[in-house]
Amino acid sequence: MLSAEDVLESGDQPCIQLEPLNSTYLPGKATPTDSSRAVLAENSPKGTANGLQDIEDRILRITGYYGYKPGYSPHRREDGSDSRPETPGSGTSIESWSYNTCASTALKVLGGLLLVLCVSSSWVGTTQVVKLTFQSFSCPFFISWFSSNWNILFFPIYYSGHVFTTGEKQTPIQKFRECSKLFGEDGMSLKLFVKRTAPFSILWTLTNYLYLLALKKLTATDVSALYCCHKAFVFLLSWIILKDRFMGVRVCVKYRDSLCTCMCLALMALILCQQIVAAIMAITGIVMMAYADGFHGDSFVGVALAVGSASTSALYKVLFKMFLGSANLGEVAHFLSTMGFFNLIFISCVPLILYFTRVEHLGSLSSLPWGYLFGLAGLWLVFNILVHVGVVLTYPILISIGTLLSVPGNAAVDVLKHEVIFSVVRLAATCIICLGFLLLLLPEEWDSVILRFLANIADKKSEEHGEELTESSGQTRSRSQANGTISIPLA
């Protein structure tokens, strides 16, 4: 006869019937009376064909299971039919899980591709509209100031999307005050408004203004390629200002116990070279772009202006990471709208000064190309929204890829529409800059993955070597015992 423990631990259904217990006496338990036997017999369910239910009820009743109710089974539904929960290994659950995984992966891929195309298209459109605007209206600072004022719309757009997606009933003022904690626990004051916003607003204005000035001297392809150097400048400034350690140093220290010293040094040199080579390639591309026309004329000035725009953009991003690196999407939208207000209030005097000094001739309001200005400002706003929202919600590498794809996009427009002919030196410089940009796009943890893989290989080899030594020592010992002697192998 099977014991209770054997039945509970066995996964097979028993094929024998337990005889009714006429008398049961357990230590510490009262002997059931005839009335209690009658109640239990009345409440006990009828056994199934194989006796499983009868065995379950008898075992639980005999062992005094706490909270046991006769007739209850974890595999019995309310309607009385037996049911077993689906396990993760069942066929239906595996199929549904694989289907959901494939669907979510496909949605992520499609969303990423759509984001890359939107970022690239908006930046190409912005650059080309600027070139068209300069044909009839050559006032770069006014264009930059007018477009920067549209940053005020960041927070209203964010609030509208937030209410639509979450359904919260916070008023715009309440949400604005909640997001203003970015400036401190007490909220935003006039002093903090000027102190925090002024440096970023100035860098923002300089970046846009220098970029527009470079577009007056160079083609859209050259300027967009030179602007991609900001990735290398961000790396260098992060090393200097943020005191970021090289990835190779961090990872090799982490895996120093599982890898030999020579391998650590070699991999560290490889990773350091990857980052430094990318910066060198960016600088080489800049020099080649300036050399294309002989280091003189508009070409050299345009290269200097584009590099200046990339430098101020890199400084803006590094300072943004330093002071506002932990900000959420609402706080970022609040900050950018605040920058738009600062631009409208404090920088509005600069276009007036340039107008009265006749540095930029605006003309009458009716003569301004309002269609180009509104189109340019709208495209620039869309690009900035995609960049800042995409960095928070998706992978930052997608934003960088979209910016990089603006280079071939602008080249296609320049060749097909403006019939621009690129020299070999300019093409080589553009390719070198783009390759350096791609080197810096490698994921942050790629070095950890490689070193972890090599560490696993090293551990497996050491284990196999240990097993071989164990087998050889066992064979040597058995041979020695057979000969009547014992020898200790040298290892």
Protein backbone atom coordinates (compact mmCIF):
# COMPACT_ATOMS: atom_id res chain seq x y z
CA MET A 1 0.00 0.00 0.00
CA LEU A 2 1.29 3.53 -0.86
CA SER A 3 1.91 5.91 1.98
CA ALA A 4 0.59 9.48 2.07
CA GLU A 5 4.01 10.95 1.29
CA ASP A 6 4.45 8.66 -1.71
CA VAL A 7 1.15 9.81 -3.17
CA LEU A 8 1.85 13.48 -2.65
CA GLU A 9 5.37 13.34 -4.08
CA SER A 10 4.60 11.06 -7.02
CA GLY A 11 3.56 12.69 -10.27
CA ASP A 12 1.77 9.56 -11.62
CA GLN A 13 -1.81 8.81 -10.85
CA PRO A 14 -2.20 5.75 -8.57
CA CYS A 15 -3.95 2.77 -10.02
CA ILE A 16 -5.08 1.14 -6.75
CA GLN A 17 -8.03 1.84 -4.53
CA LEU A 18 -7.69 2.59 -0.82
CA GLU A 19 -10.06 0.66 1.37
CA PRO A 20 -12.39 2.66 3.59
CA LEU A 21 -10.95 3.34 7.00
CA ASN A 22 -13.22 1.93 9.65
CA SER A 23 -11.23 3.21 12.57
CA THR A 24 -8.62 5.91 12.65
CA TYR A 25 -6.77 6.96 15.71
CA LEU A 26 -4.05 9.62 15.59
CA PRO A 27 -2.05 10.78 18.59
CA GLY A 28 -3.30 14.12 19.80
CA LYS A 29 -6.53 13.79 17.81
CA ALA A 30 -9.91 12.90 19.15
CA THR A 31 -11.44 9.67 17.91
CA PRO A 32 -14.22 10.53 15.51
CA THR A 33 -17.69 9.55 16.64
CA ASP A 34 -20.37 7.92 14.55
CA SER A 35 -22.05 11.27 13.92
CA SER A 36 -18.85 12.86 12.70
CA ARG A 37 -18.24 9.85 10.46
CA ALA A 38 -21.68 10.33 9.00
CA VAL A 39 -21.06 14.01 8.33
CA LEU A 40 -17.71 13.29 6.68
CA ALA A 41 -19.19 10.52 4.60
CA GLU A 42 -22.01 12.79 3.54
CA ASN A 43 -19.70 15.70 2.60
CA SER A 44 -17.00 13.57 0.97
CA PRO A 45 -17.17 13.65 -2.84
CA LYS A 46 -17.59 10.63 -4.99
CA GLY A 47 -14.38 9.16 -6.33
CA THR A 48 -13.43 9.51 -9.90
CA ALA A 49 -12.77 6.61 -12.22
CA ASN A 50 -9.21 6.22 -11.09
CA GLY A 51 -9.85 7.09 -7.46
CA LEU A 52 -7.69 10.22 -7.44
CA GLN A 53 -10.27 12.49 -5.81
CA ASP A 54 -11.10 9.91 -3.15
CA ILE A 55 -7.42 9.47 -2.32
CA GLU A 56 -6.86 13.25 -2.10
CA ASP A 57 -9.75 13.76 0.29
CA ARG A 58 -8.82 10.82 2.50
CA ILE A 59 -5.17 11.86 2.78
CA LEU A 60 -5.97 15.50 3.58
CA ARG A 61 -8.60 14.46 6.14
CA ILE A 62 -6.33 11.94 7.83
CA THR A 63 -3.33 14.28 8.07
CA GLY A 64 -5.48 17.07 9.51
CA TYR A 65 -4.67 19.58 6.74
CA TYR A 66 -5.44 23.08 8.04
CA GLY A 67 -8.40 24.68 6.33
CA TYR A 68 -9.33 21.55 4.40
CA LYS A 69 -12.84 21.38 3.01
CA PRO A 70 -14.07 18.02 1.79
CA GLY A 71 -14.60 17.96 -1.93
CA TYR A 72 -12.23 20.86 -2.58
CA SER A 73 -9.46 20.31 -5.08
CA PRO A 74 -7.09 22.88 -6.53
CA HIS A 75 -7.63 21.29 -9.93
CA ARG A 76 -11.45 21.39 -9.75
CA ARG A 77 -13.44 24.26 -11.23
CA GLU A 78 -16.62 25.60 -9.74
CA ASP A 79 -18.67 23.58 -12.20
CA GLY A 80 -17.11 20.38 -10.90
CA SER A 81 -14.89 19.60 -13.89
CA ASP A 82 -11.22 18.99 -13.39
CA SER A 83 -8.86 21.64 -14.73
CA ARG A 84 -5.14 22.19 -14.55
CA PRO A 85 -3.52 25.62 -14.84
CA GLU A 86 -1.47 26.28 -17.90
CA THR A 87 2.19 26.02 -17.23
CA PRO A 88 4.76 28.20 -18.99
CA GLY A 89 5.97 25.09 -20.78
CA SER A 90 2.61 24.21 -22.29
CA GLY A 91 2.17 24.53 -26.03
CA THR A 92 -0.52 27.24 -25.91
CA SER A 93 1.40 29.49 -23.51
CA ILE A 94 4.63 29.12 -25.50
CA GLU A 95 2.88 30.01 -28.74
CA SER A 96 1.16 33.06 -27.23
CA TRP A 97 4.37 34.18 -25.54
CA SER A 98 6.39 33.87 -28.76
CA TYR A 99 3.65 35.69 -30.70
CA ASN A 100 3.59 38.56 -28.21
CA THR A 101 7.38 38.78 -28.23
CA CYS A 102 7.55 38.89 -32.02
CA ALA A 103 4.78 41.49 -32.16
CA SER A 104 6.44 43.76 -29.59
CA THR A 105 9.81 43.42 -31.32
CA ALA A 106 8.28 44.27 -34.69
CA LEU A 107 6.54 47.31 -33.20
CA LYS A 108 9.79 48.50 -31.63
CA VAL A 109 11.67 48.09 -34.89
CA LEU A 110 8.99 49.89 -36.91
CA GLY A 111 8.76 52.66 -34.33
CA GLY A 112 12.54 53.07 -34.33
CA LEU A 113 12.69 53.23 -38.13
CA LEU A 114 9.85 55.74 -38.20
CA LEU A 115 11.60 57.90 -35.60
CA VAL A 116 14.89 57.78 -37.54
CA LEU A 117 13.13 58.81 -40.76
CA CYS A 118 11.27 61.63 -39.02
CA VAL A 119 14.42 63.02 -37.39
CA SER A 120 16.39 62.83 -40.64
CA SER A 121 13.58 64.31 -42.76
CA SER A 122 12.91 67.19 -40.38
CA TRP A 123 16.60 68.11 -40.20
CA VAL A 124 17.05 67.88 -43.98
CA GLY A 125 13.91 69.96 -44.47
CA THR A 126 15.11 72.58 -42.00
CA THR A 127 18.48 72.91 -43.71
CA GLN A 128 17.02 73.10 -47.22
CA VAL A 129 14.35 75.64 -46.22
CA VAL A 130 17.09 77.82 -44.72
CA LYS A 131 18.92 77.74 -48.06
CA LEU A 132 15.70 78.74 -49.86
CA THR A 133 15.02 81.54 -47.36
CA PHE A 134 18.47 83.03 -47.90
CA GLN A 135 17.65 83.57 -51.57
CA SER A 136 15.25 86.39 -50.68
CA PHE A 137 15.92 87.13 -47.00
CA SER A 138 19.49 87.14 -45.68
CA CYS A 139 19.07 87.80 -41.95
CA PRO A 140 20.41 84.74 -40.08
CA PHE A 141 20.13 86.10 -36.54
CA PHE A 142 16.51 87.17 -37.03
CA ILE A 143 15.71 83.71 -38.42
CA SER A 144 17.43 82.07 -35.43
CA TRP A 145 15.63 84.35 -32.95
CA PHE A 146 12.25 83.84 -34.62
CA SER A 147 12.65 80.05 -34.63
CA SER A 148 13.86 79.91 -31.01
CA ASN A 149 10.73 81.73 -29.85
CA TRP A 150 8.72 78.69 -30.90
CA ASN A 151 10.28 76.77 -28.02
CA ILE A 152 7.52 78.30 -25.88
CA LEU A 153 5.19 75.72 -27.42
CA PHE A 154 7.13 72.80 -25.92
CA PHE A 155 5.25 72.67 -22.62
CA PRO A 156 1.74 73.18 -24.10
CA ILE A 157 2.41 70.34 -26.56
CA TYR A 158 3.71 68.13 -23.75
CA TYR A 159 0.73 68.94 -21.52
CA SER A 160 -1.73 68.13 -24.31
CA GLY A 161 -0.06 64.78 -24.97
CA HIS A 162 0.16 64.01 -21.25
CA VAL A 163 -3.54 64.65 -20.68
CA PHE A 164 -4.49 62.68 -23.79
CA THR A 165 -2.42 59.62 -22.83
CA THR A 166 -2.93 59.52 -19.04
CA GLY A 167 -6.28 61.25 -18.56
CA GLU A 168 -5.12 63.24 -15.52
CA LYS A 169 -7.17 66.33 -14.66
CA GLN A 170 -4.35 68.58 -13.49
CA THR A 171 -4.61 72.15 -14.68
CA PRO A 172 -1.76 73.50 -16.82
CA ILE A 173 -0.68 75.76 -13.94
CA GLN A 174 -0.53 72.85 -11.49
CA LYS A 175 1.46 70.75 -13.93
CA PHE A 176 3.76 73.70 -14.67
CA ARG A 177 4.44 74.17 -10.95
CA GLU A 178 5.06 70.45 -10.53
CA CYS A 179 7.62 70.44 -13.34
CA SER A 180 9.26 73.64 -12.02
CA LYS A 181 10.88 71.59 -9.24
CA LEU A 182 13.70 71.24 -11.72
CA PHE A 183 14.83 74.68 -10.54
CA GLY A 184 14.66 73.71 -6.86
CA GLU A 185 12.30 72.51 -4.16
CA ASP A 186 10.86 76.01 -3.75
CA GLY A 187 10.05 76.27 -7.44
CA MET A 188 11.21 78.84 -9.94
CA SER A 189 12.20 82.35 -8.91
CA LEU A 190 13.45 85.23 -11.05
CA LYS A 191 17.02 84.69 -9.88
CA LEU A 192 16.96 80.98 -10.67
CA PHE A 193 15.20 81.70 -13.95
CA VAL A 194 18.03 83.92 -15.14
CA LYS A 195 20.83 81.86 -13.56
CA ARG A 196 19.74 78.53 -14.98
CA THR A 197 18.29 79.63 -18.31
CA ALA A 198 20.73 82.31 -19.50
CA PRO A 199 23.77 80.06 -20.23
CA PHE A 200 21.71 77.46 -22.10
CA SER A 201 19.76 80.07 -24.05
CA ILE A 202 22.97 81.81 -25.13
CA LEU A 203 24.53 78.50 -26.23
CA TRP A 204 21.32 77.60 -28.07
CA THR A 205 21.30 80.92 -29.92
CA LEU A 206 25.00 80.67 -30.81
CA THR A 207 24.58 77.14 -32.15
CA ASN A 208 21.70 78.10 -34.43
CA TYR A 209 23.24 81.40 -35.52
CA LEU A 210 26.62 79.89 -36.41
CA TYR A 211 24.89 77.05 -38.26
CA LEU A 212 22.91 79.53 -40.36
CA LEU A 213 26.01 81.59 -41.07
CA ALA A 214 27.82 78.43 -42.23
CA LEU A 215 24.93 77.66 -44.62
CA LYS A 216 25.56 81.01 -46.31
CA LYS A 217 29.14 79.93 -47.10
CA LEU A 218 28.91 76.18 -47.74
CA THR A 219 26.50 73.66 -49.18
CA ALA A 220 23.94 71.95 -46.96
CA THR A 221 25.83 68.65 -47.26
CA ASP A 222 29.12 70.11 -46.02
CA VAL A 223 27.50 71.92 -43.10
CA SER A 224 25.48 68.89 -41.98
CA ALA A 225 28.60 66.70 -42.22
CA LEU A 226 30.69 69.15 -40.20
CA TYR A 227 27.90 69.45 -37.63
CA CYS A 228 28.20 65.69 -37.01
CA CYS A 229 31.57 66.43 -35.39
CA HIS A 230 29.66 67.52 -32.28
CA LYS A 231 29.61 63.85 -31.22
CA ALA A 232 33.39 63.80 -30.97
CA PHE A 233 33.39 67.15 -29.16
CA VAL A 234 30.86 65.77 -26.66
CA PHE A 235 33.24 62.87 -25.96
CA LEU A 236 36.19 65.19 -25.40
CA LEU A 237 34.24 67.67 -23.26
CA SER A 238 32.76 64.85 -21.16
CA TRP A 239 36.28 63.62 -20.49
CA ILE A 240 37.45 67.11 -19.49
CA ILE A 241 34.39 68.62 -17.75
CA LEU A 242 32.44 65.63 -16.44
CA LYS A 243 35.60 63.65 -15.64
CA ASP A 244 34.15 60.59 -17.35
CA ARG A 245 36.43 57.56 -17.25
CA PHE A 246 37.25 55.67 -20.38
CA MET A 247 35.09 52.60 -20.87
CA GLY A 248 38.15 50.40 -21.25
CA VAL A 249 39.50 51.34 -17.82
CA ARG A 250 36.15 50.67 -16.13
CA VAL A 251 35.54 47.31 -17.77
CA CYS A 252 39.06 45.95 -17.53
CA VAL A 253 39.06 46.70 -13.79
CA LYS A 254 35.76 44.81 -13.53
CA TYR A 255 37.11 41.70 -15.31
CA ARG A 256 40.67 41.76 -14.02
CA ASP A 257 40.12 38.58 -12.01
CA SER A 258 38.93 36.48 -14.95
CA LEU A 259 41.23 37.78 -17.69
CA CYS A 260 44.96 37.86 -17.82
CA THR A 261 46.79 41.16 -17.55
CA CYS A 262 47.99 41.18 -21.14
CA MET A 263 44.47 40.62 -22.47
CA CYS A 264 43.12 43.43 -20.28
CA LEU A 265 45.76 45.85 -21.51
CA ALA A 266 45.18 44.88 -25.14
CA LEU A 267 41.41 45.30 -24.91
CA MET A 268 41.76 48.56 -23.01
CA ALA A 269 44.04 49.91 -25.72
CA LEU A 270 41.57 48.77 -28.39
CA ILE A 271 38.61 50.48 -26.70
CA LEU A 272 40.56 53.66 -26.02
CA CYS A 273 41.74 53.72 -29.60
CA GLN A 274 38.15 53.36 -30.78
CA GLN A 275 37.13 56.58 -29.05
CA ILE A 276 40.30 58.52 -29.70
CA VAL A 277 40.44 57.42 -33.34
CA ALA A 278 36.87 58.66 -33.79
CA ALA A 279 37.87 62.10 -32.47
CA ILE A 280 40.96 62.13 -34.70
CA MET A 281 38.86 61.19 -37.72
CA ALA A 282 36.50 64.08 -37.01
CA ILE A 283 39.40 66.54 -36.81
CA THR A 284 40.94 65.06 -39.98
CA GLY A 285 37.66 65.52 -41.83
CA ILE A 286 37.48 69.13 -40.71
CA VAL A 287 41.00 69.84 -41.97
CA MET A 288 40.32 68.11 -45.29
CA MET A 289 37.09 70.08 -45.72
CA ALA A 290 38.98 73.32 -45.16
CA TYR A 291 41.77 72.21 -47.48
CA ALA A 292 39.33 71.48 -50.31
CA ASP A 293 39.48 75.10 -51.50
CA GLY A 294 42.98 75.94 -50.29
CA PHE A 295 42.46 77.36 -46.76
CA HIS A 296 41.13 80.67 -48.04
CA GLY A 297 37.92 82.35 -49.07
CA ASP A 298 34.40 81.52 -48.02
CA SER A 299 35.12 77.82 -47.72
CA PHE A 300 37.54 78.21 -44.82
CA VAL A 301 35.24 80.69 -43.03
CA GLY A 302 32.26 78.37 -43.55
CA VAL A 303 34.17 75.42 -42.10
CA ALA A 304 35.15 77.49 -39.07
CA LEU A 305 31.53 78.58 -38.52
CA ALA A 306 30.21 75.02 -38.82
CA VAL A 307 32.83 73.72 -36.38
CA GLY A 308 31.92 76.55 -34.01
CA SER A 309 28.27 75.51 -34.20
CA ALA A 310 29.19 71.89 -33.45
CA SER A 311 31.35 73.01 -30.51
CA THR A 312 28.64 75.13 -28.88
CA SER A 313 26.14 72.32 -29.43
CA ALA A 314 28.47 69.87 -27.69
CA LEU A 315 28.99 72.27 -24.79
CA TYR A 316 25.22 72.73 -24.48
CA LYS A 317 24.68 68.96 -24.33
CA VAL A 318 27.44 68.38 -21.79
CA LEU A 319 26.15 71.15 -19.50
CA PHE A 320 22.61 69.87 -19.93
CA LYS A 321 23.80 66.44 -18.81
CA MET A 322 25.68 67.97 -15.87
CA PHE A 323 22.84 70.09 -14.45
CA LEU A 324 19.68 68.46 -15.84
CA GLY A 325 20.74 64.90 -16.53
CA SER A 326 18.06 63.33 -14.29
CA ALA A 327 15.16 65.42 -15.61
CA ASN A 328 12.04 63.68 -16.85
CA LEU A 329 10.08 64.55 -19.98
CA GLY A 330 7.84 67.10 -18.28
CA GLU A 331 10.80 68.91 -16.73
CA VAL A 332 12.61 68.97 -20.09
CA ALA A 333 9.52 70.46 -21.77
CA HIS A 334 9.25 73.01 -18.96
CA PHE A 335 12.92 73.96 -19.33
CA LEU A 336 12.74 74.38 -23.11
CA SER A 337 9.61 76.54 -22.84
CA THR A 338 11.42 78.62 -20.23
CA MET A 339 14.29 79.05 -22.69
CA GLY A 340 11.78 80.26 -25.27
CA PHE A 341 10.46 82.87 -22.81
CA PHE A 342 14.03 83.98 -22.03
CA ASN A 343 14.76 84.29 -25.74
CA LEU A 344 11.62 86.37 -26.28
CA ILE A 345 12.21 88.68 -23.31
CA PHE A 346 15.97 89.21 -23.14
CA ILE A 347 17.35 88.42 -26.61
CA SER A 348 14.77 90.39 -28.55
CA CYS A 349 16.99 93.45 -28.23
CA VAL A 350 19.71 91.88 -30.39
CA PRO A 351 17.68 91.82 -33.67
CA LEU A 352 16.73 95.44 -33.00
CA ILE A 353 20.37 96.41 -32.51
CA LEU A 354 21.36 94.61 -35.71
CA TYR A 355 18.52 96.34 -37.55
CA PHE A 356 19.42 99.87 -36.44
CA THR A 357 23.13 99.25 -37.08
CA ARG A 358 22.14 97.94 -40.56
CA VAL A 359 23.94 94.68 -40.07
CA GLU A 360 20.72 92.88 -40.99
CA HIS A 361 18.19 94.67 -43.16
CA LEU A 362 14.73 93.38 -42.37
CA GLY A 363 12.60 95.70 -44.53
CA SER A 364 8.86 96.06 -43.99
CA LEU A 365 6.73 93.39 -42.34
CA SER A 366 4.83 92.74 -45.54
CA SER A 367 8.03 92.05 -47.47
CA LEU A 368 9.20 89.30 -45.12
CA PRO A 369 8.94 85.72 -46.47
CA TRP A 370 6.49 84.61 -43.80
CA GLY A 371 5.81 81.30 -45.54
CA TYR A 372 9.45 80.26 -45.41
CA LEU A 373 9.84 81.60 -41.85
CA PHE A 374 6.85 79.71 -40.49
CA GLY A 375 7.82 76.55 -42.36
CA LEU A 376 11.40 76.78 -41.08
CA ALA A 377 10.32 77.45 -37.49
CA GLY A 378 7.82 74.58 -37.60
CA LEU A 379 10.35 72.08 -38.96
CA TRP A 380 12.93 73.19 -36.42
CA LEU A 381 10.38 72.77 -33.62
CA VAL A 382 9.48 69.28 -34.84
CA PHE A 383 13.15 68.31 -34.99
CA ASN A 384 13.81 69.57 -31.45
CA ILE A 385 10.72 67.80 -30.12
CA LEU A 386 11.77 64.52 -31.74
CA VAL A 387 15.30 64.87 -30.39
CA HIS A 388 14.36 65.67 -26.78
CA VAL A 389 11.35 63.37 -26.58
CA GLY A 390 13.12 60.56 -28.43
CA VAL A 391 16.10 60.64 -26.08
CA VAL A 392 13.76 60.27 -23.08
CA LEU A 393 11.34 57.70 -24.50
CA THR A 394 13.49 55.66 -26.90
CA TYR A 395 17.11 54.83 -27.56
CA PRO A 396 19.41 57.86 -28.01
CA ILE A 397 21.29 55.99 -30.74
CA LEU A 398 18.22 56.32 -32.98
CA ILE A 399 18.38 60.11 -32.72
CA SER A 400 22.07 60.06 -33.61
CA ILE A 401 21.45 57.81 -36.60
CA GLY A 402 18.70 60.16 -37.80
CA THR A 403 21.08 63.11 -37.55
CA LEU A 404 23.75 61.19 -39.46
CA LEU A 405 21.32 60.24 -42.23
CA SER A 406 20.73 63.94 -42.86
CA VAL A 407 24.13 64.02 -44.59
CA PRO A 408 23.20 61.69 -47.50
CA GLY A 409 19.73 63.27 -47.52
CA ASN A 410 21.13 66.75 -48.04
CA ALA A 411 23.61 65.38 -50.59
CA ALA A 412 20.76 63.89 -52.63
CA VAL A 413 18.85 67.17 -52.60
CA ASP A 414 21.99 69.18 -53.50
CA VAL A 415 22.81 66.91 -56.42
CA LEU A 416 19.29 66.52 -57.82
CA LYS A 417 17.91 70.02 -57.25
CA HIS A 418 20.87 72.38 -56.98
CA GLU A 419 23.18 70.37 -59.29
CA VAL A 420 26.11 70.58 -56.88
CA ILE A 421 29.28 68.77 -57.92
CA PHE A 422 31.37 67.46 -55.00
CA SER A 423 35.12 67.18 -55.26
CA VAL A 424 36.98 64.05 -54.27
CA VAL A 425 38.50 65.77 -51.22
CA ARG A 426 35.08 66.87 -49.94
CA LEU A 427 33.62 63.41 -50.43
CA ALA A 428 36.57 61.84 -48.59
CA ALA A 429 36.26 64.35 -45.74
CA THR A 430 32.52 63.71 -45.45
CA CYS A 431 33.04 59.93 -45.36
CA ILE A 432 35.77 60.21 -42.71
CA ILE A 433 33.58 62.37 -40.48
CA CYS A 434 30.66 59.98 -40.84
CA LEU A 435 32.86 56.97 -40.01
CA GLY A 436 34.13 58.70 -36.87
CA PHE A 437 30.52 59.47 -35.95
CA LEU A 438 29.59 55.79 -36.39
CA LEU A 439 32.47 54.69 -34.17
CA LEU A 440 31.09 56.83 -31.37
CA LEU A 441 27.64 55.32 -31.87
CA LEU A 442 28.72 51.94 -30.55
CA PRO A 443 26.55 50.96 -27.56
CA GLU A 444 27.92 51.86 -24.17
CA GLU A 445 27.99 48.23 -23.00
CA TRP A 446 29.51 46.66 -26.11
CA ASP A 447 32.88 46.40 -24.41
CA SER A 448 31.31 44.67 -21.39
CA VAL A 449 29.65 42.12 -23.67
CA ILE A 450 32.92 41.33 -25.44
CA LEU A 451 34.91 41.07 -22.24
CA ARG A 452 32.22 38.94 -20.58
CA PHE A 453 32.28 36.60 -23.57
CA LEU A 454 36.06 36.31 -23.43
CA ALA A 455 35.94 35.78 -19.67
CA ASN A 456 33.47 32.92 -20.10
CA ILE A 457 35.74 31.35 -22.72
CA ALA A 458 38.71 31.65 -20.37
CA ASP A 459 36.73 30.08 -17.50
CA LYS A 460 35.62 27.18 -19.70
CA LYS A 461 39.18 26.53 -20.81
CA SER A 462 40.40 26.54 -17.21
CA GLU A 463 37.63 24.09 -16.24
CA GLU A 464 38.47 21.78 -19.14
CA HIS A 465 42.13 21.96 -18.20
CA GLY A 466 41.26 21.07 -14.62
CA GLU A 467 39.15 18.10 -15.75
CA GLU A 468 41.99 16.85 -17.96
CA LEU A 469 44.40 17.10 -15.02
CA THR A 470 41.94 15.21 -12.81
CA GLU A 471 41.51 12.43 -15.39
CA SER A 472 45.25 12.13 -15.99
CA SER A 473 45.96 11.98 -12.25
CA GLY A 474 43.30 9.30 -11.81
CA GLN A 475 44.76 7.20 -14.60
CA THR A 476 48.28 7.60 -13.22
CA ARG A 477 47.11 6.62 -9.73
CA SER A 478 45.29 3.54 -11.01
CA ARG A 479 48.35 2.38 -12.97
CA SER A 480 50.57 2.99 -9.95
CA GLN A 481 48.25 1.03 -7.66
CA ALA A 482 48.25 -1.80 -10.17
CA ASN A 483 52.04 -1.88 -10.04
CA GLY A 484 52.03 -1.65 -6.26
CA THR A 485 53.44 1.89 -6.10
CA ILE A 486 51.92 5.36 -5.70
CA SER A 487 53.19 8.31 -7.74
CA ILE A 488 52.14 11.97 -7.52
CA PRO A 489 51.90 13.65 -10.93
CA LEU A 490 53.46 17.12 -11.27
CA ALA A 491 50.99 19.83 -12.29
